[in-house]
Structures are given as C-alpha cells and as structure tokens.
N, C-alpha and C. Protein backbone atom coordinates (compact mmCIF):
# COMPACT_ATOMS: atom_id res chain seq x y z
N MET A 1 153.95 141.54 75.46
CA MET A 1 154.92 140.54 75.13
C MET A 1 154.35 139.14 75.34
N GLN A 2 153.52 139.07 76.32
CA GLN A 2 152.95 137.77 76.61
C GLN A 2 152.04 137.31 75.47
N TYR A 3 151.34 138.22 74.87
CA TYR A 3 150.41 137.87 73.81
C TYR A 3 151.12 137.45 72.53
N GLU A 4 152.34 137.89 72.33
CA GLU A 4 153.09 137.54 71.13
C GLU A 4 153.60 136.11 71.18
N SER A 5 153.80 135.50 72.34
CA SER A 5 154.31 134.13 72.44
C SER A 5 153.20 133.07 72.33
N TRP A 6 151.94 133.48 72.48
CA TRP A 6 150.85 132.50 72.39
C TRP A 6 150.77 131.79 71.02
N PRO A 7 150.90 132.46 69.94
CA PRO A 7 150.85 131.75 68.66
C PRO A 7 151.97 130.71 68.52
N ALA A 8 153.13 131.00 69.04
CA ALA A 8 154.24 130.04 68.97
C ALA A 8 153.95 128.82 69.84
N VAL A 9 153.41 129.07 71.04
CA VAL A 9 153.06 127.97 71.95
C VAL A 9 151.97 127.11 71.33
N ARG A 10 150.99 127.74 70.73
CA ARG A 10 149.90 127.00 70.07
C ARG A 10 150.44 126.16 68.91
N ALA A 11 151.35 126.71 68.15
CA ALA A 11 151.91 125.99 67.01
C ALA A 11 152.71 124.78 67.48
N VAL A 12 153.51 124.94 68.52
CA VAL A 12 154.30 123.83 69.05
C VAL A 12 153.39 122.76 69.64
N THR A 13 152.36 123.16 70.38
CA THR A 13 151.42 122.21 70.96
C THR A 13 150.68 121.45 69.87
N ALA A 14 150.26 122.14 68.84
CA ALA A 14 149.57 121.49 67.73
C ALA A 14 150.48 120.49 67.03
N ALA A 15 151.74 120.84 66.85
CA ALA A 15 152.69 119.93 66.20
C ALA A 15 152.93 118.68 67.03
N VAL A 16 153.07 118.86 68.34
CA VAL A 16 153.29 117.71 69.23
C VAL A 16 152.07 116.79 69.23
N LEU A 17 150.88 117.35 69.32
CA LEU A 17 149.66 116.54 69.29
C LEU A 17 149.47 115.84 67.95
N ALA A 18 149.77 116.52 66.87
CA ALA A 18 149.65 115.91 65.54
C ALA A 18 150.61 114.74 65.41
N ALA A 19 151.81 114.90 65.90
CA ALA A 19 152.79 113.81 65.84
C ALA A 19 152.36 112.63 66.71
N ALA A 20 151.80 112.94 67.88
CA ALA A 20 151.37 111.87 68.79
C ALA A 20 150.22 111.07 68.21
N PHE A 21 149.29 111.74 67.53
CA PHE A 21 148.15 111.04 66.95
C PHE A 21 148.46 110.43 65.58
N ALA A 22 149.54 110.83 64.97
CA ALA A 22 149.91 110.30 63.65
C ALA A 22 150.47 108.88 63.77
N VAL A 23 151.10 108.55 64.88
CA VAL A 23 151.67 107.22 65.08
C VAL A 23 150.57 106.29 65.57
N PRO A 24 150.31 105.18 64.88
CA PRO A 24 149.28 104.24 65.33
C PRO A 24 149.61 103.67 66.71
N GLN A 25 148.59 103.61 67.55
CA GLN A 25 148.80 103.16 68.92
C GLN A 25 149.18 101.69 69.01
N ASN A 26 148.70 100.87 68.05
CA ASN A 26 149.03 99.45 68.12
C ASN A 26 150.51 99.20 67.85
N LEU A 27 151.18 100.09 67.15
CA LEU A 27 152.63 99.94 66.95
C LEU A 27 153.38 100.25 68.23
N VAL A 28 152.91 101.21 68.97
CA VAL A 28 153.55 101.58 70.22
C VAL A 28 153.29 100.52 71.28
N ALA A 29 152.11 99.91 71.25
CA ALA A 29 151.72 98.98 72.30
C ALA A 29 152.31 97.59 72.14
N GLN A 30 152.85 97.26 70.97
CA GLN A 30 153.36 95.91 70.77
C GLN A 30 154.59 95.67 71.63
N ALA A 31 154.56 94.52 72.27
CA ALA A 31 155.71 94.12 73.08
C ALA A 31 156.57 93.17 72.24
N PRO A 32 157.86 93.11 72.52
CA PRO A 32 158.76 92.25 71.73
C PRO A 32 158.40 90.77 71.79
N GLU A 33 157.75 90.30 72.85
CA GLU A 33 157.43 88.87 72.94
C GLU A 33 156.34 88.45 71.96
N HIS A 34 155.65 89.40 71.37
CA HIS A 34 154.61 89.07 70.40
C HIS A 34 155.16 88.93 69.00
N LEU A 35 156.37 89.32 68.81
CA LEU A 35 156.97 89.23 67.49
C LEU A 35 157.45 87.82 67.23
N VAL A 36 157.28 87.37 65.99
CA VAL A 36 157.71 86.03 65.60
C VAL A 36 158.99 86.18 64.81
N THR A 37 159.99 85.41 65.19
CA THR A 37 161.26 85.50 64.49
C THR A 37 161.20 84.70 63.20
N SER A 38 162.09 85.00 62.30
CA SER A 38 162.13 84.29 61.02
C SER A 38 162.50 82.82 61.22
N SER A 39 163.30 82.52 62.22
CA SER A 39 163.65 81.12 62.47
C SER A 39 162.43 80.34 62.97
N ASP A 40 161.57 80.99 63.77
CA ASP A 40 160.34 80.34 64.21
C ASP A 40 159.42 80.06 63.03
N LEU A 41 159.32 81.03 62.13
CA LEU A 41 158.50 80.83 60.93
C LEU A 41 159.06 79.73 60.05
N GLN A 42 160.36 79.67 59.93
CA GLN A 42 160.98 78.63 59.11
C GLN A 42 160.75 77.26 59.73
N LYS A 43 160.87 77.15 61.04
CA LYS A 43 160.63 75.87 61.72
C LYS A 43 159.18 75.43 61.55
N ALA A 44 158.26 76.37 61.65
CA ALA A 44 156.84 76.04 61.47
C ALA A 44 156.56 75.58 60.05
N ALA A 45 157.17 76.24 59.09
CA ALA A 45 156.98 75.85 57.68
C ALA A 45 157.57 74.48 57.41
N GLU A 46 158.74 74.21 57.96
CA GLU A 46 159.36 72.89 57.79
C GLU A 46 158.52 71.81 58.45
N SER A 47 157.99 72.10 59.62
CA SER A 47 157.15 71.14 60.33
C SER A 47 155.89 70.82 59.54
N ALA A 48 155.25 71.86 59.02
CA ALA A 48 154.04 71.66 58.22
C ALA A 48 154.34 70.88 56.94
N SER A 49 155.46 71.19 56.32
CA SER A 49 155.85 70.49 55.10
C SER A 49 156.16 69.02 55.38
N HIS A 50 156.82 68.76 56.48
CA HIS A 50 157.14 67.38 56.86
C HIS A 50 155.87 66.59 57.18
N ALA A 51 154.95 67.22 57.90
CA ALA A 51 153.69 66.54 58.23
C ALA A 51 152.89 66.24 56.96
N ARG A 52 152.85 67.18 56.04
CA ARG A 52 152.13 66.96 54.77
C ARG A 52 152.76 65.82 54.00
N GLN A 53 154.09 65.80 53.94
CA GLN A 53 154.78 64.74 53.21
C GLN A 53 154.51 63.37 53.83
N GLN A 54 154.49 63.31 55.14
CA GLN A 54 154.19 62.04 55.83
C GLN A 54 152.76 61.59 55.52
N ASN A 55 151.82 62.52 55.55
CA ASN A 55 150.43 62.18 55.25
C ASN A 55 150.27 61.72 53.80
N LEU A 56 150.98 62.37 52.88
CA LEU A 56 150.94 61.94 51.48
C LEU A 56 151.48 60.52 51.33
N GLU A 57 152.59 60.24 51.98
CA GLU A 57 153.18 58.90 51.91
C GLU A 57 152.25 57.86 52.52
N THR A 58 151.61 58.19 53.62
CA THR A 58 150.68 57.26 54.26
C THR A 58 149.53 56.91 53.32
N LEU A 59 148.91 57.93 52.74
CA LEU A 59 147.79 57.68 51.83
C LEU A 59 148.22 56.97 50.56
N ARG A 60 149.35 57.38 50.00
CA ARG A 60 149.83 56.72 48.78
C ARG A 60 150.16 55.27 49.04
N GLY A 61 150.78 54.99 50.16
CA GLY A 61 151.09 53.60 50.51
C GLY A 61 149.83 52.79 50.71
N PHE A 62 148.85 53.39 51.36
CA PHE A 62 147.59 52.70 51.62
C PHE A 62 146.85 52.41 50.32
N LEU A 63 146.81 53.39 49.42
CA LEU A 63 146.05 53.23 48.18
C LEU A 63 146.81 52.48 47.09
N SER A 64 148.11 52.27 47.27
CA SER A 64 148.87 51.55 46.25
C SER A 64 148.98 50.06 46.52
N SER A 65 148.45 49.61 47.63
CA SER A 65 148.49 48.17 47.92
C SER A 65 147.60 47.42 46.92
N PRO A 66 147.90 46.14 46.68
CA PRO A 66 147.10 45.38 45.72
C PRO A 66 145.61 45.32 46.10
N ARG A 67 145.33 45.20 47.38
CA ARG A 67 143.93 45.17 47.83
C ARG A 67 143.23 46.48 47.52
N ALA A 68 143.93 47.57 47.76
CA ALA A 68 143.34 48.89 47.51
C ALA A 68 143.08 49.09 46.03
N ARG A 69 144.04 48.71 45.20
CA ARG A 69 143.85 48.85 43.75
C ARG A 69 142.66 48.04 43.28
N LYS A 70 142.56 46.83 43.80
CA LYS A 70 141.45 45.95 43.41
C LYS A 70 140.12 46.55 43.87
N ALA A 71 140.08 47.09 45.08
CA ALA A 71 138.85 47.68 45.60
C ALA A 71 138.45 48.91 44.80
N ILE A 72 139.41 49.73 44.46
CA ILE A 72 139.12 50.95 43.69
C ILE A 72 138.63 50.58 42.29
N GLU A 73 139.27 49.59 41.68
CA GLU A 73 138.84 49.16 40.35
C GLU A 73 137.46 48.51 40.39
N SER A 74 137.16 47.79 41.47
CA SER A 74 135.84 47.16 41.58
C SER A 74 134.73 48.21 41.75
N ALA A 75 135.10 49.40 42.21
CA ALA A 75 134.13 50.50 42.33
C ALA A 75 134.11 51.34 41.05
N HIS A 76 134.76 50.86 40.00
CA HIS A 76 134.81 51.51 38.70
C HIS A 76 135.44 52.90 38.77
N MET A 77 136.51 53.00 39.56
CA MET A 77 137.30 54.23 39.64
C MET A 77 138.69 53.95 39.10
N ASN A 78 139.33 54.99 38.64
CA ASN A 78 140.68 54.86 38.12
C ASN A 78 141.67 55.04 39.28
N PRO A 79 142.45 54.00 39.63
CA PRO A 79 143.39 54.13 40.75
C PRO A 79 144.42 55.24 40.54
N GLN A 80 144.85 55.43 39.31
CA GLN A 80 145.83 56.48 39.04
C GLN A 80 145.23 57.87 39.26
N GLN A 81 143.97 58.03 38.91
CA GLN A 81 143.29 59.31 39.12
C GLN A 81 143.16 59.60 40.61
N VAL A 82 142.87 58.57 41.38
CA VAL A 82 142.78 58.74 42.84
C VAL A 82 144.15 59.13 43.40
N GLN A 83 145.21 58.45 42.94
CA GLN A 83 146.56 58.77 43.41
C GLN A 83 146.93 60.22 43.07
N ASN A 84 146.58 60.66 41.86
CA ASN A 84 146.90 62.02 41.45
C ASN A 84 146.09 63.06 42.22
N ALA A 85 144.88 62.70 42.61
CA ALA A 85 144.00 63.65 43.31
C ALA A 85 144.45 63.89 44.74
N ILE A 86 145.24 63.00 45.30
CA ILE A 86 145.68 63.14 46.69
C ILE A 86 146.46 64.44 46.88
N ALA A 87 147.29 64.79 45.91
CA ALA A 87 148.13 65.98 46.04
C ALA A 87 147.31 67.27 46.08
N ALA A 88 146.09 67.23 45.57
CA ALA A 88 145.27 68.44 45.53
C ALA A 88 144.51 68.69 46.83
N LEU A 89 144.59 67.78 47.77
CA LEU A 89 143.88 67.95 49.04
C LEU A 89 144.56 69.00 49.91
N SER A 90 143.77 69.64 50.75
CA SER A 90 144.35 70.60 51.69
C SER A 90 145.06 69.84 52.81
N ASP A 91 145.84 70.55 53.58
CA ASP A 91 146.58 69.91 54.67
C ASP A 91 145.65 69.24 55.68
N ARG A 92 144.56 69.93 56.00
CA ARG A 92 143.62 69.37 56.98
C ARG A 92 142.93 68.12 56.45
N GLU A 93 142.47 68.18 55.20
CA GLU A 93 141.81 67.02 54.60
C GLU A 93 142.79 65.85 54.48
N LEU A 94 144.00 66.15 54.10
CA LEU A 94 145.03 65.13 53.96
C LEU A 94 145.33 64.47 55.30
N ALA A 95 145.41 65.26 56.35
CA ALA A 95 145.67 64.73 57.69
C ALA A 95 144.53 63.83 58.16
N GLN A 96 143.29 64.25 57.89
CA GLN A 96 142.14 63.44 58.31
C GLN A 96 142.11 62.10 57.58
N LEU A 97 142.31 62.13 56.27
CA LEU A 97 142.28 60.89 55.50
C LEU A 97 143.46 59.99 55.84
N ALA A 98 144.62 60.57 56.08
CA ALA A 98 145.78 59.77 56.46
C ALA A 98 145.55 59.09 57.81
N ALA A 99 144.90 59.79 58.73
CA ALA A 99 144.60 59.19 60.03
C ALA A 99 143.61 58.03 59.87
N ARG A 100 142.62 58.21 59.01
CA ARG A 100 141.66 57.12 58.76
C ARG A 100 142.34 55.92 58.11
N ALA A 101 143.20 56.20 57.14
CA ALA A 101 143.91 55.12 56.45
C ALA A 101 144.83 54.38 57.41
N ASP A 102 145.52 55.12 58.25
CA ASP A 102 146.43 54.52 59.23
C ASP A 102 145.66 53.65 60.22
N LYS A 103 144.51 54.15 60.68
CA LYS A 103 143.68 53.37 61.61
C LYS A 103 143.15 52.11 60.94
N ALA A 104 142.73 52.23 59.69
CA ALA A 104 142.21 51.05 58.98
C ALA A 104 143.30 50.01 58.79
N GLN A 105 144.51 50.44 58.47
CA GLN A 105 145.61 49.50 58.31
C GLN A 105 145.95 48.81 59.62
N SER A 106 145.99 49.56 60.71
CA SER A 106 146.32 48.96 62.00
C SER A 106 145.21 48.03 62.47
N ASP A 107 143.95 48.40 62.23
CA ASP A 107 142.84 47.51 62.60
C ASP A 107 142.87 46.23 61.79
N PHE A 108 143.19 46.34 60.50
CA PHE A 108 143.25 45.16 59.67
C PHE A 108 144.40 44.25 60.10
N ALA A 109 145.55 44.85 60.40
CA ALA A 109 146.71 44.07 60.84
C ALA A 109 146.43 43.39 62.17
N ALA A 110 145.66 44.03 63.03
CA ALA A 110 145.34 43.45 64.33
C ALA A 110 144.21 42.44 64.25
N GLY A 111 143.56 42.34 63.09
CA GLY A 111 142.47 41.39 62.94
C GLY A 111 141.13 41.94 63.38
N ASN A 112 141.03 43.24 63.62
CA ASN A 112 139.77 43.83 64.08
C ASN A 112 138.77 44.02 62.94
N ILE A 113 139.25 44.06 61.70
CA ILE A 113 138.33 44.20 60.58
C ILE A 113 138.67 43.15 59.52
N SER A 114 137.69 42.81 58.72
CA SER A 114 137.87 41.78 57.69
C SER A 114 138.29 42.42 56.38
N ASP A 115 138.57 41.54 55.40
CA ASP A 115 138.92 42.02 54.06
C ASP A 115 137.80 42.87 53.48
N ARG A 116 136.58 42.42 53.68
CA ARG A 116 135.43 43.13 53.14
C ARG A 116 135.33 44.54 53.73
N ASP A 117 135.51 44.65 55.04
CA ASP A 117 135.47 45.96 55.69
C ASP A 117 136.58 46.88 55.19
N LEU A 118 137.77 46.31 54.99
CA LEU A 118 138.89 47.09 54.49
C LEU A 118 138.60 47.59 53.08
N LEU A 119 138.00 46.76 52.26
CA LEU A 119 137.65 47.16 50.90
C LEU A 119 136.63 48.30 50.91
N ILE A 120 135.67 48.21 51.80
CA ILE A 120 134.66 49.27 51.91
C ILE A 120 135.32 50.59 52.33
N ILE A 121 136.23 50.52 53.28
CA ILE A 121 136.94 51.71 53.73
C ILE A 121 137.78 52.30 52.60
N LEU A 122 138.45 51.43 51.85
CA LEU A 122 139.27 51.89 50.73
C LEU A 122 138.43 52.61 49.69
N VAL A 123 137.31 52.03 49.34
CA VAL A 123 136.44 52.65 48.34
C VAL A 123 135.89 53.97 48.87
N ALA A 124 135.54 54.02 50.13
CA ALA A 124 135.02 55.26 50.72
C ALA A 124 136.09 56.36 50.70
N ILE A 125 137.31 56.03 51.05
CA ILE A 125 138.39 57.02 51.04
C ILE A 125 138.66 57.50 49.62
N ALA A 126 138.71 56.58 48.67
CA ALA A 126 138.96 56.96 47.27
C ALA A 126 137.83 57.85 46.75
N ALA A 127 136.60 57.50 47.06
CA ALA A 127 135.47 58.31 46.61
C ALA A 127 135.52 59.70 47.26
N LEU A 128 135.86 59.75 48.53
CA LEU A 128 135.95 61.03 49.23
C LEU A 128 137.03 61.91 48.61
N ILE A 129 138.16 61.32 48.26
CA ILE A 129 139.23 62.09 47.63
C ILE A 129 138.75 62.68 46.31
N LEU A 130 138.11 61.86 45.51
CA LEU A 130 137.64 62.34 44.21
C LEU A 130 136.56 63.41 44.33
N ILE A 131 135.69 63.25 45.31
CA ILE A 131 134.63 64.24 45.52
C ILE A 131 135.23 65.58 45.97
N ILE A 132 136.17 65.53 46.89
CA ILE A 132 136.79 66.77 47.38
C ILE A 132 137.49 67.50 46.25
N VAL A 133 138.20 66.75 45.43
CA VAL A 133 138.93 67.38 44.32
C VAL A 133 137.97 67.90 43.27
N ALA A 134 136.88 67.18 43.02
CA ALA A 134 135.91 67.62 42.01
C ALA A 134 135.18 68.86 42.44
N VAL A 135 134.94 69.02 43.72
CA VAL A 135 134.21 70.19 44.23
C VAL A 135 135.04 71.46 44.06
N ARG A 136 136.34 71.34 44.15
CA ARG A 136 137.21 72.51 43.99
C ARG A 136 137.22 72.88 42.58
C-alpha cells in the first residue's frame, strides 16, 4: 500500500515545484514602496512639461529681442529658422541653452558684459541651436 501512494506524492510535489518556479521571483520580491502611483507620474509629467515651456519662453524671449535679431542677421542666419529650431531641441539641451541665455541676460543687465559680448553669445547660441537640429 505504501508503494501505491508514491506516484501521487511525486505528482503533487512536482506540481508544487513547477508552480513555485513558474512565478518570477522579482514579482514576489517587489515591495509596495517601489511602485509609482499614477498621480506621481502625472505630477512628474506636468513638472517636466512646465519646465520645458519655461525654457522655451526664456530662449524665445532672448532670441526675439532686437539685439538678438540684429546679431543673428549679422551672422547671416535666418532668425525665424533659429526660432523654429528651438522646439526641436531635447529637454536637456533646451535647459542648458536657457540657462546660458538667462545668465547672459542677467550679466548684461548688471553691466558685467558689453554689447559686443552679448552679440557674440547670441550668435553662438543661435549657431549651436542650428547645429544641434541639423545633426538630428
């Protein structure tokens, strides 16, 4: 009688082991604190969108000033093409250029740089924008 129950025990043991190994261990090991809620994702997306919009406005404002237009035209670039190329920049590139433009504006307002230096910075930023967009 004992020998007749071994096949049943083996079958049950095999089924339990198969079920245990069928479930991926990383699903079992995940703790609830590692999960990201949809509201957190939405807040992050809104934050990124707001930061991008601010950076776009900063660059557009900087490049639409009369001095900037004059500097871009003196470098034989199309100011409208530069303005249109801004939207094609990645978030990181946009943030870097917006920070440079903001610093240049504040330095110029504080008297730390001259008109000539500001024009050079404007032309460099415009050229960088066009180069980045052309490479893509």
